[in-house]
Amino acid sequence: MELAQVDAEIEKLLDSLTGANKILLSYANGKIEELDTKRQSLTKAIADMKTSTLSPEHIKSISGYLKNWDNVSFEDRRLVVDSLILKINATSESVQIEWKV
């Protein structure tokens, strides 16, 4: 709900900018940046909540893919990896995987 409110506030600000002068645009840009930062934070929190709990059915379907990994299509492998990994940080010296589970 909070995300929808932030989106509505951003939309309202954008709608009110028609014919605005430079000073008003400056203030509006600052407020939009603030709201966008909050929006990004809320979006990440929602994504984290969605990924932190895997349903038993989802775990069962992933297990099926993992047991037969050599015969699974690339697209199915990508879907399995997307459901298990939050982020990969790779440098020339190391690879760090942030798991969802």
PDB file of N, CA and C in Angstrom:
ATOM      1  N   MET A   1       0.817  -1.192   0.000  1.00  0.00           N
ATOM      2  CA  MET A   1       0.000   0.000   0.000  1.00  0.00           C
ATOM      3  C   MET A   1       0.860   1.255   0.000  1.00  0.00           C
ATOM      4  N   GLU A   2       1.896   1.191   0.785  1.00  0.00           N
ATOM      5  CA  GLU A   2       2.779   2.356   0.880  1.00  0.00           C
ATOM      6  C   GLU A   2       3.438   2.651  -0.467  1.00  0.00           C
ATOM      7  N   LEU A   3       3.793   1.597  -1.192  1.00  0.00           N
ATOM      8  CA  LEU A   3       4.397   1.770  -2.516  1.00  0.00           C
ATOM      9  C   LEU A   3       3.403   2.444  -3.458  1.00  0.00           C
ATOM     10  N   ALA A   4       2.155   2.044  -3.422  1.00  0.00           N
ATOM     11  CA  ALA A   4       1.130   2.662  -4.269  1.00  0.00           C
ATOM     12  C   ALA A   4       0.953   4.137  -3.909  1.00  0.00           C
ATOM     13  N   GLN A   5       1.042   4.476  -2.622  1.00  0.00           N
ATOM     14  CA  GLN A   5       0.915   5.865  -2.199  1.00  0.00           C
ATOM     15  C   GLN A   5       2.079   6.709  -2.721  1.00  0.00           C
ATOM     16  N   VAL A   6       3.282   6.142  -2.665  1.00  0.00           N
ATOM     17  CA  VAL A   6       4.466   6.859  -3.155  1.00  0.00           C
ATOM     18  C   VAL A   6       4.336   7.074  -4.661  1.00  0.00           C
ATOM     19  N   ASP A   7       3.921   6.037  -5.390  1.00  0.00           N
ATOM     20  CA  ASP A   7       3.727   6.173  -6.836  1.00  0.00           C
ATOM     21  C   ASP A   7       2.689   7.251  -7.148  1.00  0.00           C
ATOM     22  N   ALA A   8       1.609   7.288  -6.378  1.00  0.00           N
ATOM     23  CA  ALA A   8       0.560   8.291  -6.585  1.00  0.00           C
ATOM     24  C   ALA A   8       1.093   9.698  -6.324  1.00  0.00           C
ATOM     25  N   GLU A   9       1.919   9.847  -5.297  1.00  0.00           N
ATOM     26  CA  GLU A   9       2.514  11.154  -4.990  1.00  0.00           C
ATOM     27  C   GLU A   9       3.420  11.619  -6.114  1.00  0.00           C
ATOM     28  N   ILE A  10       4.222  10.705  -6.639  1.00  0.00           N
ATOM     29  CA  ILE A  10       5.116  11.044  -7.756  1.00  0.00           C
ATOM     30  C   ILE A  10       4.284  11.468  -8.961  1.00  0.00           C
ATOM     31  N   GLU A  11       3.265  10.704  -9.274  1.00  0.00           N
ATOM     32  CA  GLU A  11       2.396  11.018 -10.407  1.00  0.00           C
ATOM     33  C   GLU A  11       1.730  12.386 -10.230  1.00  0.00           C
ATOM     34  N   LYS A  12       1.272  12.663  -9.020  1.00  0.00           N
ATOM     35  CA  LYS A  12       0.627  13.952  -8.729  1.00  0.00           C
ATOM     36  C   LYS A  12       1.609  15.104  -8.940  1.00  0.00           C
ATOM     37  N   LEU A  13       2.842  14.915  -8.468  1.00  0.00           N
ATOM     38  CA  LEU A  13       3.854  15.956  -8.658  1.00  0.00           C
ATOM     39  C   LEU A  13       4.147  16.182 -10.141  1.00  0.00           C
ATOM     40  N   LEU A  14       4.272  15.099 -10.876  1.00  0.00           N
ATOM     41  CA  LEU A  14       4.557  15.224 -12.305  1.00  0.00           C
ATOM     42  C   LEU A  14       3.424  15.930 -13.034  1.00  0.00           C
ATOM     43  N   ASP A  15       2.190  15.613 -12.669  1.00  0.00           N
ATOM     44  CA  ASP A  15       1.034  16.261 -13.299  1.00  0.00           C
ATOM     45  C   ASP A  15       0.983  17.753 -13.003  1.00  0.00           C
ATOM     46  N   SER A  16       1.465  18.161 -11.844  1.00  0.00           N
ATOM     47  CA  SER A  16       1.391  19.571 -11.455  1.00  0.00           C
ATOM     48  C   SER A  16       2.516  20.422 -12.045  1.00  0.00           C
ATOM     49  N   LEU A  17       3.438  19.828 -12.754  1.00  0.00           N
ATOM     50  CA  LEU A  17       4.596  20.567 -13.252  1.00  0.00           C
ATOM     51  C   LEU A  17       4.355  21.299 -14.574  1.00  0.00           C
ATOM     52  N   THR A  18       3.219  21.101 -15.176  1.00  0.00           N
ATOM     53  CA  THR A  18       2.935  21.783 -16.433  1.00  0.00           C
ATOM     54  C   THR A  18       2.960  23.301 -16.210  1.00  0.00           C
ATOM     55  N   GLY A  19       3.831  23.976 -16.942  1.00  0.00           N
ATOM     56  CA  GLY A  19       3.928  25.432 -16.838  1.00  0.00           C
ATOM     57  C   GLY A  19       4.670  25.924 -15.616  1.00  0.00           C
ATOM     58  N   ALA A  20       5.376  25.061 -14.919  1.00  0.00           N
ATOM     59  CA  ALA A  20       6.092  25.462 -13.704  1.00  0.00           C
ATOM     60  C   ALA A  20       7.354  26.249 -14.052  1.00  0.00           C
ATOM     61  N   ASN A  21       7.731  27.152 -13.148  1.00  0.00           N
ATOM     62  CA  ASN A  21       8.959  27.917 -13.348  1.00  0.00           C
ATOM     63  C   ASN A  21      10.161  27.132 -12.824  1.00  0.00           C
ATOM     64  N   LYS A  22      11.357  27.679 -13.013  1.00  0.00           N
ATOM     65  CA  LYS A  22      12.588  26.973 -12.644  1.00  0.00           C
ATOM     66  C   LYS A  22      12.666  26.674 -11.151  1.00  0.00           C
ATOM     67  N   ILE A  23      12.237  27.587 -10.324  1.00  0.00           N
ATOM     68  CA  ILE A  23      12.308  27.378  -8.872  1.00  0.00           C
ATOM     69  C   ILE A  23      11.392  26.240  -8.449  1.00  0.00           C
ATOM     70  N   LEU A  24      10.168  26.274  -8.957  1.00  0.00           N
ATOM     71  CA  LEU A  24       9.224  25.206  -8.632  1.00  0.00           C
ATOM     72  C   LEU A  24       9.724  23.857  -9.150  1.00  0.00           C
ATOM     73  N   LEU A  25      10.307  23.844 -10.339  1.00  0.00           N
ATOM     74  CA  LEU A  25      10.869  22.609 -10.889  1.00  0.00           C
ATOM     75  C   LEU A  25      11.997  22.078 -10.007  1.00  0.00           C
ATOM     76  N   SER A  26      12.814  22.985  -9.475  1.00  0.00           N
ATOM     77  CA  SER A  26      13.909  22.585  -8.597  1.00  0.00           C
ATOM     78  C   SER A  26      13.377  21.898  -7.343  1.00  0.00           C
ATOM     79  N   TYR A  27      12.364  22.498  -6.713  1.00  0.00           N
ATOM     80  CA  TYR A  27      11.766  21.898  -5.521  1.00  0.00           C
ATOM     81  C   TYR A  27      11.098  20.565  -5.853  1.00  0.00           C
ATOM     82  N   ALA A  28      10.400  20.521  -6.966  1.00  0.00           N
ATOM     83  CA  ALA A  28       9.709  19.294  -7.374  1.00  0.00           C
ATOM     84  C   ALA A  28      10.713  18.179  -7.653  1.00  0.00           C
ATOM     85  N   ASN A  29      11.825  18.519  -8.324  1.00  0.00           N
ATOM     86  CA  ASN A  29      12.857  17.501  -8.594  1.00  0.00           C
ATOM     87  C   ASN A  29      13.407  16.916  -7.300  1.00  0.00           C
ATOM     88  N   GLY A  30      13.644  17.780  -6.316  1.00  0.00           N
ATOM     89  CA  GLY A  30      14.144  17.301  -5.026  1.00  0.00           C
ATOM     90  C   GLY A  30      13.157  16.350  -4.361  1.00  0.00           C
ATOM     91  N   LYS A  31      11.888  16.723  -4.383  1.00  0.00           N
ATOM     92  CA  LYS A  31      10.856  15.869  -3.772  1.00  0.00           C
ATOM     93  C   LYS A  31      10.696  14.567  -4.542  1.00  0.00           C
ATOM     94  N   ILE A  32      10.754  14.630  -5.870  1.00  0.00           N
ATOM     95  CA  ILE A  32      10.637  13.419  -6.684  1.00  0.00           C
ATOM     96  C   ILE A  32      11.818  12.494  -6.420  1.00  0.00           C
ATOM     97  N   GLU A  33      13.024  13.042  -6.290  1.00  0.00           N
ATOM     98  CA  GLU A  33      14.193  12.213  -5.974  1.00  0.00           C
ATOM     99  C   GLU A  33      14.014  11.527  -4.620  1.00  0.00           C
ATOM    100  N   GLU A  34      13.510  12.274  -3.644  1.00  0.00           N
ATOM    101  CA  GLU A  34      13.263  11.713  -2.311  1.00  0.00           C
ATOM    102  C   GLU A  34      12.228  10.576  -2.391  1.00  0.00           C
ATOM    103  N   LEU A  35      11.146  10.821  -3.106  1.00  0.00           N
ATOM    104  CA  LEU A  35      10.098   9.806  -3.243  1.00  0.00           C
ATOM    105  C   LEU A  35      10.597   8.595  -4.028  1.00  0.00           C
ATOM    106  N   ASP A  36      11.422   8.842  -5.050  1.00  0.00           N
ATOM    107  CA  ASP A  36      11.947   7.731  -5.839  1.00  0.00           C
ATOM    108  C   ASP A  36      12.875   6.858  -5.008  1.00  0.00           C
ATOM    109  N   THR A  37      13.675   7.470  -4.151  1.00  0.00           N
ATOM    110  CA  THR A  37      14.543   6.702  -3.253  1.00  0.00           C
ATOM    111  C   THR A  37      13.697   5.832  -2.326  1.00  0.00           C
ATOM    112  N   LYS A  38      12.639   6.413  -1.792  1.00  0.00           N
ATOM    113  CA  LYS A  38      11.733   5.655  -0.928  1.00  0.00           C
ATOM    114  C   LYS A  38      11.059   4.533  -1.708  1.00  0.00           C
ATOM    115  N   ARG A  39      10.670   4.832  -2.954  1.00  0.00           N
ATOM    116  CA  ARG A  39      10.030   3.831  -3.811  1.00  0.00           C
ATOM    117  C   ARG A  39      10.973   2.652  -4.071  1.00  0.00           C
ATOM    118  N   GLN A  40      12.228   2.944  -4.382  1.00  0.00           N
ATOM    119  CA  GLN A  40      13.215   1.891  -4.627  1.00  0.00           C
ATOM    120  C   GLN A  40      13.418   1.036  -3.385  1.00  0.00           C
ATOM    121  N   SER A  41      13.473   1.675  -2.229  1.00  0.00           N
ATOM    122  CA  SER A  41      13.632   0.956  -0.973  1.00  0.00           C
ATOM    123  C   SER A  41      12.445   0.033  -0.711  1.00  0.00           C
ATOM    124  N   LEU A  42      11.241   0.544  -0.938  1.00  0.00           N
ATOM    125  CA  LEU A  42      10.035  -0.276  -0.747  1.00  0.00           C
ATOM    126  C   LEU A  42       9.986  -1.432  -1.734  1.00  0.00           C
ATOM    127  N   THR A  43      10.354  -1.176  -2.976  1.00  0.00           N
ATOM    128  CA  THR A  43      10.368  -2.229  -3.997  1.00  0.00           C
ATOM    129  C   THR A  43      11.340  -3.335  -3.613  1.00  0.00           C
ATOM    130  N   LYS A  44      12.524  -2.948  -3.118  1.00  0.00           N
ATOM    131  CA  LYS A  44      13.507  -3.944  -2.692  1.00  0.00           C
ATOM    132  C   LYS A  44      12.986  -4.735  -1.495  1.00  0.00           C
ATOM    133  N   ALA A  45      12.352  -4.057  -0.544  1.00  0.00           N
ATOM    134  CA  ALA A  45      11.812  -4.740   0.633  1.00  0.00           C
ATOM    135  C   ALA A  45      10.728  -5.736   0.235  1.00  0.00           C
ATOM    136  N   ILE A  46       9.884  -5.350  -0.713  1.00  0.00           N
ATOM    137  CA  ILE A  46       8.834  -6.262  -1.191  1.00  0.00           C
ATOM    138  C   ILE A  46       9.452  -7.461  -1.885  1.00  0.00           C
ATOM    139  N   ALA A  47      10.450  -7.218  -2.713  1.00  0.00           N
ATOM    140  CA  ALA A  47      11.121  -8.321  -3.404  1.00  0.00           C
ATOM    141  C   ALA A  47      11.785  -9.263  -2.409  1.00  0.00           C
ATOM    142  N   ASP A  48      12.409  -8.693  -1.383  1.00  0.00           N
ATOM    143  CA  ASP A  48      13.054  -9.517  -0.357  1.00  0.00           C
ATOM    144  C   ASP A  48      12.031 -10.377   0.380  1.00  0.00           C
ATOM    145  N   MET A  49      10.863  -9.802   0.672  1.00  0.00           N
ATOM    146  CA  MET A  49       9.827 -10.567   1.360  1.00  0.00           C
ATOM    147  C   MET A  49       9.308 -11.706   0.490  1.00  0.00           C
ATOM    148  N   LYS A  50       9.178 -11.431  -0.796  1.00  0.00           N
ATOM    149  CA  LYS A  50       8.673 -12.456  -1.710  1.00  0.00           C
ATOM    150  C   LYS A  50       9.656 -13.608  -1.848  1.00  0.00           C
ATOM    151  N   THR A  51      10.945 -13.290  -1.838  1.00  0.00           N
ATOM    152  CA  THR A  51      11.945 -14.328  -2.065  1.00  0.00           C
ATOM    153  C   THR A  51      12.384 -15.028  -0.798  1.00  0.00           C
ATOM    154  N   SER A  52      12.085 -14.443   0.352  1.00  0.00           N
ATOM    155  CA  SER A  52      12.565 -15.047   1.588  1.00  0.00           C
ATOM    156  C   SER A  52      11.765 -16.293   1.973  1.00  0.00           C
ATOM    157  N   THR A  53      10.595 -16.449   1.406  1.00  0.00           N
ATOM    158  CA  THR A  53       9.787 -17.613   1.712  1.00  0.00           C
ATOM    159  C   THR A  53       9.467 -18.367   0.430  1.00  0.00           C
ATOM    160  N   LEU A  54       9.994 -19.555   0.320  1.00  0.00           N
ATOM    161  CA  LEU A  54       9.699 -20.409  -0.820  1.00  0.00           C
ATOM    162  C   LEU A  54       8.641 -21.405  -0.393  1.00  0.00           C
ATOM    163  N   SER A  55       7.616 -21.517  -1.192  1.00  0.00           N
ATOM    164  CA  SER A  55       6.549 -22.452  -0.864  1.00  0.00           C
ATOM    165  C   SER A  55       7.032 -23.889  -1.024  1.00  0.00           C
ATOM    166  N   PRO A  56       6.410 -24.819  -0.325  1.00  0.00           N
ATOM    167  CA  PRO A  56       6.796 -26.227  -0.472  1.00  0.00           C
ATOM    168  C   PRO A  56       6.659 -26.713  -1.920  1.00  0.00           C
ATOM    169  N   GLU A  57       5.647 -26.209  -2.630  1.00  0.00           N
ATOM    170  CA  GLU A  57       5.472 -26.607  -4.028  1.00  0.00           C
ATOM    171  C   GLU A  57       6.638 -26.112  -4.881  1.00  0.00           C
ATOM    172  N   HIS A  58       7.083 -24.880  -4.592  1.00  0.00           N
ATOM    173  CA  HIS A  58       8.203 -24.316  -5.353  1.00  0.00           C
ATOM    174  C   HIS A  58       9.486 -25.097  -5.068  1.00  0.00           C
ATOM    175  N   ILE A  59       9.709 -25.425  -3.827  1.00  0.00           N
ATOM    176  CA  ILE A  59      10.883 -26.225  -3.460  1.00  0.00           C
ATOM    177  C   ILE A  59      10.842 -27.582  -4.143  1.00  0.00           C
ATOM    178  N   LYS A  60       9.660 -28.184  -4.181  1.00  0.00           N
ATOM    179  CA  LYS A  60       9.511 -29.488  -4.831  1.00  0.00           C
ATOM    180  C   LYS A  60       9.814 -29.393  -6.327  1.00  0.00           C
ATOM    181  N   SER A  61       9.321 -28.329  -6.989  1.00  0.00           N
ATOM    182  CA  SER A  61       9.584 -28.195  -8.425  1.00  0.00           C
ATOM    183  C   SER A  61      11.062 -27.931  -8.697  1.00  0.00           C
ATOM    184  N   ILE A  62      11.701 -27.140  -7.850  1.00  0.00           N
ATOM    185  CA  ILE A  62      13.137 -26.886  -8.007  1.00  0.00           C
ATOM    186  C   ILE A  62      13.924 -28.175  -7.816  1.00  0.00           C
ATOM    187  N   SER A  63      13.533 -28.962  -6.835  1.00  0.00           N
ATOM    188  CA  SER A  63      14.224 -30.232  -6.569  1.00  0.00           C
ATOM    189  C   SER A  63      14.192 -31.125  -7.797  1.00  0.00           C
ATOM    190  N   GLY A  64      13.063 -31.126  -8.484  1.00  0.00           N
ATOM    191  CA  GLY A  64      12.951 -31.933  -9.707  1.00  0.00           C
ATOM    192  C   GLY A  64      13.946 -31.491 -10.760  1.00  0.00           C
ATOM    193  N   TYR A  65      14.099 -30.180 -10.917  1.00  0.00           N
ATOM    194  CA  TYR A  65      15.068 -29.665 -11.882  1.00  0.00           C
ATOM    195  C   TYR A  65      16.494 -30.005 -11.470  1.00  0.00           C
ATOM    196  N   LEU A  66      16.782 -29.873 -10.176  1.00  0.00           N
ATOM    197  CA  LEU A  66      18.147 -30.124  -9.706  1.00  0.00           C
ATOM    198  C   LEU A  66      18.540 -31.589  -9.857  1.00  0.00           C
ATOM    199  N   LYS A  67      17.594 -32.487  -9.650  1.00  0.00           N
ATOM    200  CA  LYS A  67      17.884 -33.912  -9.789  1.00  0.00           C
ATOM    201  C   LYS A  67      18.193 -34.288 -11.232  1.00  0.00           C
ATOM    202  N   ASN A  68      17.672 -33.514 -12.182  1.00  0.00           N
ATOM    203  CA  ASN A  68      17.844 -33.823 -13.597  1.00  0.00           C
ATOM    204  C   ASN A  68      18.546 -32.662 -14.313  1.00  0.00           C
ATOM    205  N   TRP A  69      19.479 -31.994 -13.629  1.00  0.00           N
ATOM    206  CA  TRP A  69      20.106 -30.764 -14.106  1.00  0.00           C
ATOM    207  C   TRP A  69      20.737 -30.896 -15.489  1.00  0.00           C
ATOM    208  N   ASP A  70      21.375 -32.016 -15.767  1.00  0.00           N
ATOM    209  CA  ASP A  70      22.060 -32.182 -17.055  1.00  0.00           C
ATOM    210  C   ASP A  70      21.095 -32.165 -18.240  1.00  0.00           C
ATOM    211  N   ASN A  71      19.848 -32.486 -18.022  1.00  0.00           N
ATOM    212  CA  ASN A  71      18.865 -32.553 -19.106  1.00  0.00           C
ATOM    213  C   ASN A  71      17.884 -31.375 -19.108  1.00  0.00           C
ATOM    214  N   VAL A  72      18.096 -30.408 -18.237  1.00  0.00           N
ATOM    215  CA  VAL A  72      17.193 -29.257 -18.127  1.00  0.00           C
ATOM    216  C   VAL A  72      17.605 -28.196 -19.142  1.00  0.00           C
ATOM    217  N   SER A  73      16.613 -27.540 -19.769  1.00  0.00           N
ATOM    218  CA  SER A  73      16.901 -26.508 -20.763  1.00  0.00           C
ATOM    219  C   SER A  73      17.540 -25.284 -20.099  1.00  0.00           C
ATOM    220  N   PHE A  74      18.188 -24.474 -20.917  1.00  0.00           N
ATOM    221  CA  PHE A  74      18.840 -23.271 -20.414  1.00  0.00           C
ATOM    222  C   PHE A  74      17.831 -22.360 -19.734  1.00  0.00           C
ATOM    223  N   GLU A  75      16.665 -22.170 -20.356  1.00  0.00           N
ATOM    224  CA  GLU A  75      15.636 -21.287 -19.791  1.00  0.00           C
ATOM    225  C   GLU A  75      15.165 -21.797 -18.428  1.00  0.00           C
ATOM    226  N   ASP A  76      14.965 -23.100 -18.298  1.00  0.00           N
ATOM    227  CA  ASP A  76      14.548 -23.663 -17.012  1.00  0.00           C
ATOM    228  C   ASP A  76      15.650 -23.518 -15.968  1.00  0.00           C
ATOM    229  N   ARG A  77      16.897 -23.676 -16.380  1.00  0.00           N
ATOM    230  CA  ARG A  77      18.015 -23.481 -15.455  1.00  0.00           C
ATOM    231  C   ARG A  77      18.037 -22.039 -14.953  1.00  0.00           C
ATOM    232  N   ARG A  78      17.817 -21.094 -15.881  1.00  0.00           N
ATOM    233  CA  ARG A  78      17.808 -19.684 -15.511  1.00  0.00           C
ATOM    234  C   ARG A  78      16.695 -19.397 -14.504  1.00  0.00           C
ATOM    235  N   LEU A  79      15.527 -19.974 -14.712  1.00  0.00           N
ATOM    236  CA  LEU A  79      14.421 -19.765 -13.784  1.00  0.00           C
ATOM    237  C   LEU A  79      14.734 -20.315 -12.391  1.00  0.00           C
ATOM    238  N   VAL A  80      15.374 -21.482 -12.350  1.00  0.00           N
ATOM    239  CA  VAL A  80      15.753 -22.069 -11.064  1.00  0.00           C
ATOM    240  C   VAL A  80      16.776 -21.183 -10.360  1.00  0.00           C
ATOM    241  N   VAL A  81      17.778 -20.740 -11.096  1.00  0.00           N
ATOM    242  CA  VAL A  81      18.815 -19.882 -10.515  1.00  0.00           C
ATOM    243  C   VAL A  81      18.207 -18.562 -10.040  1.00  0.00           C
ATOM    244  N   ASP A  82      17.289 -17.991 -10.825  1.00  0.00           N
ATOM    245  CA  ASP A  82      16.626 -16.748 -10.418  1.00  0.00           C
ATOM    246  C   ASP A  82      15.850 -16.916  -9.118  1.00  0.00           C
ATOM    247  N   SER A  83      15.331 -18.099  -8.888  1.00  0.00           N
ATOM    248  CA  SER A  83      14.557 -18.305  -7.663  1.00  0.00           C
ATOM    249  C   SER A  83      15.442 -18.591  -6.453  1.00  0.00           C
ATOM    250  N   LEU A  84      16.708 -18.899  -6.675  1.00  0.00           N
ATOM    251  CA  LEU A  84      17.611 -19.233  -5.574  1.00  0.00           C
ATOM    252  C   LEU A  84      18.644 -18.149  -5.254  1.00  0.00           C
ATOM    253  N   ILE A  85      19.016 -17.336  -6.236  1.00  0.00           N
ATOM    254  CA  ILE A  85      20.097 -16.356  -6.055  1.00  0.00           C
ATOM    255  C   ILE A  85      19.540 -14.950  -6.099  1.00  0.00           C
ATOM    256  N   LEU A  86      19.907 -14.153  -5.103  1.00  0.00           N
ATOM    257  CA  LEU A  86      19.493 -12.757  -5.052  1.00  0.00           C
ATOM    258  C   LEU A  86      20.432 -11.881  -5.875  1.00  0.00           C
ATOM    259  N   LYS A  87      21.760 -12.088  -5.682  1.00  0.00           N
ATOM    260  CA  LYS A  87      22.730 -11.219  -6.343  1.00  0.00           C
ATOM    261  C   LYS A  87      24.062 -11.938  -6.466  1.00  0.00           C
ATOM    262  N   ILE A  88      24.777 -11.663  -7.567  1.00  0.00           N
ATOM    263  CA  ILE A  88      26.127 -12.179  -7.772  1.00  0.00           C
ATOM    264  C   ILE A  88      27.054 -10.988  -7.981  1.00  0.00           C
ATOM    265  N   ASN A  89      28.094 -10.912  -7.155  1.00  0.00           N
ATOM    266  CA  ASN A  89      29.118  -9.884  -7.308  1.00  0.00           C
ATOM    267  C   ASN A  89      30.386 -10.581  -7.781  1.00  0.00           C
ATOM    268  N   ALA A  90      30.842 -10.231  -8.989  1.00  0.00           N
ATOM    269  CA  ALA A  90      32.026 -10.879  -9.548  1.00  0.00           C
ATOM    270  C   ALA A  90      33.084  -9.838  -9.876  1.00  0.00           C
ATOM    271  N   THR A  91      34.281 -10.142  -9.446  1.00  0.00           N
ATOM    272  CA  THR A  91      35.434  -9.316  -9.805  1.00  0.00           C
ATOM    273  C   THR A  91      36.477 -10.244 -10.405  1.00  0.00           C
ATOM    274  N   SER A  92      37.600  -9.677 -10.799  1.00  0.00           N
ATOM    275  CA  SER A  92      38.672 -10.510 -11.343  1.00  0.00           C
ATOM    276  C   SER A  92      39.300 -11.394 -10.266  1.00  0.00           C
ATOM    277  N   GLU A  93      39.034 -11.070  -8.993  1.00  0.00           N
ATOM    278  CA  GLU A  93      39.632 -11.823  -7.897  1.00  0.00           C
ATOM    279  C   GLU A  93      38.677 -12.757  -7.173  1.00  0.00           C
ATOM    280  N   SER A  94      37.371 -12.474  -7.227  1.00  0.00           N
ATOM    281  CA  SER A  94      36.446 -13.304  -6.458  1.00  0.00           C
ATOM    282  C   SER A  94      35.029 -13.255  -7.037  1.00  0.00           C
ATOM    283  N   VAL A  95      34.237 -14.204  -6.597  1.00  0.00           N
ATOM    284  CA  VAL A  95      32.816 -14.240  -6.926  1.00  0.00           C
ATOM    285  C   VAL A  95      32.068 -14.438  -5.616  1.00  0.00           C
ATOM    286  N   GLN A  96      31.103 -13.548  -5.358  1.00  0.00           N
ATOM    287  CA  GLN A  96      30.285 -13.666  -4.154  1.00  0.00           C
ATOM    288  C   GLN A  96      28.831 -13.846  -4.585  1.00  0.00           C
ATOM    289  N   ILE A  97      28.185 -14.859  -4.016  1.00  0.00           N
ATOM    290  CA  ILE A  97      26.792 -15.138  -4.316  1.00  0.00           C
ATOM    291  C   ILE A  97      25.961 -14.874  -3.090  1.00  0.00           C
ATOM    292  N   GLU A  98      24.927 -14.039  -3.256  1.00  0.00           N
ATOM    293  CA  GLU A  98      23.984 -13.770  -2.167  1.00  0.00           C
ATOM    294  C   GLU A  98      22.738 -14.607  -2.444  1.00  0.00           C
ATOM    295  N   TRP A  99      22.527 -15.625  -1.602  1.00  0.00           N
ATOM    296  CA  TRP A  99      21.442 -16.569  -1.788  1.00  0.00           C
ATOM    297  C   TRP A  99      20.139 -16.054  -1.204  1.00  0.00           C
ATOM    298  N   LYS A 100      19.036 -16.447  -1.798  1.00  0.00           N
ATOM    299  CA  LYS A 100      17.717 -16.093  -1.285  1.00  0.00           C
ATOM    300  C   LYS A 100      17.277 -17.042  -0.175  1.00  0.00           C
ATOM    301  N   VAL A 101      17.870 -18.200  -0.141  1.00  0.00           N
ATOM    302  CA  VAL A 101      17.478 -19.198   0.855  1.00  0.00           C
ATOM    303  C   VAL A 101      18.540 -19.338   1.916  1.00  0.00           C
TER     304      VAL A 101
END
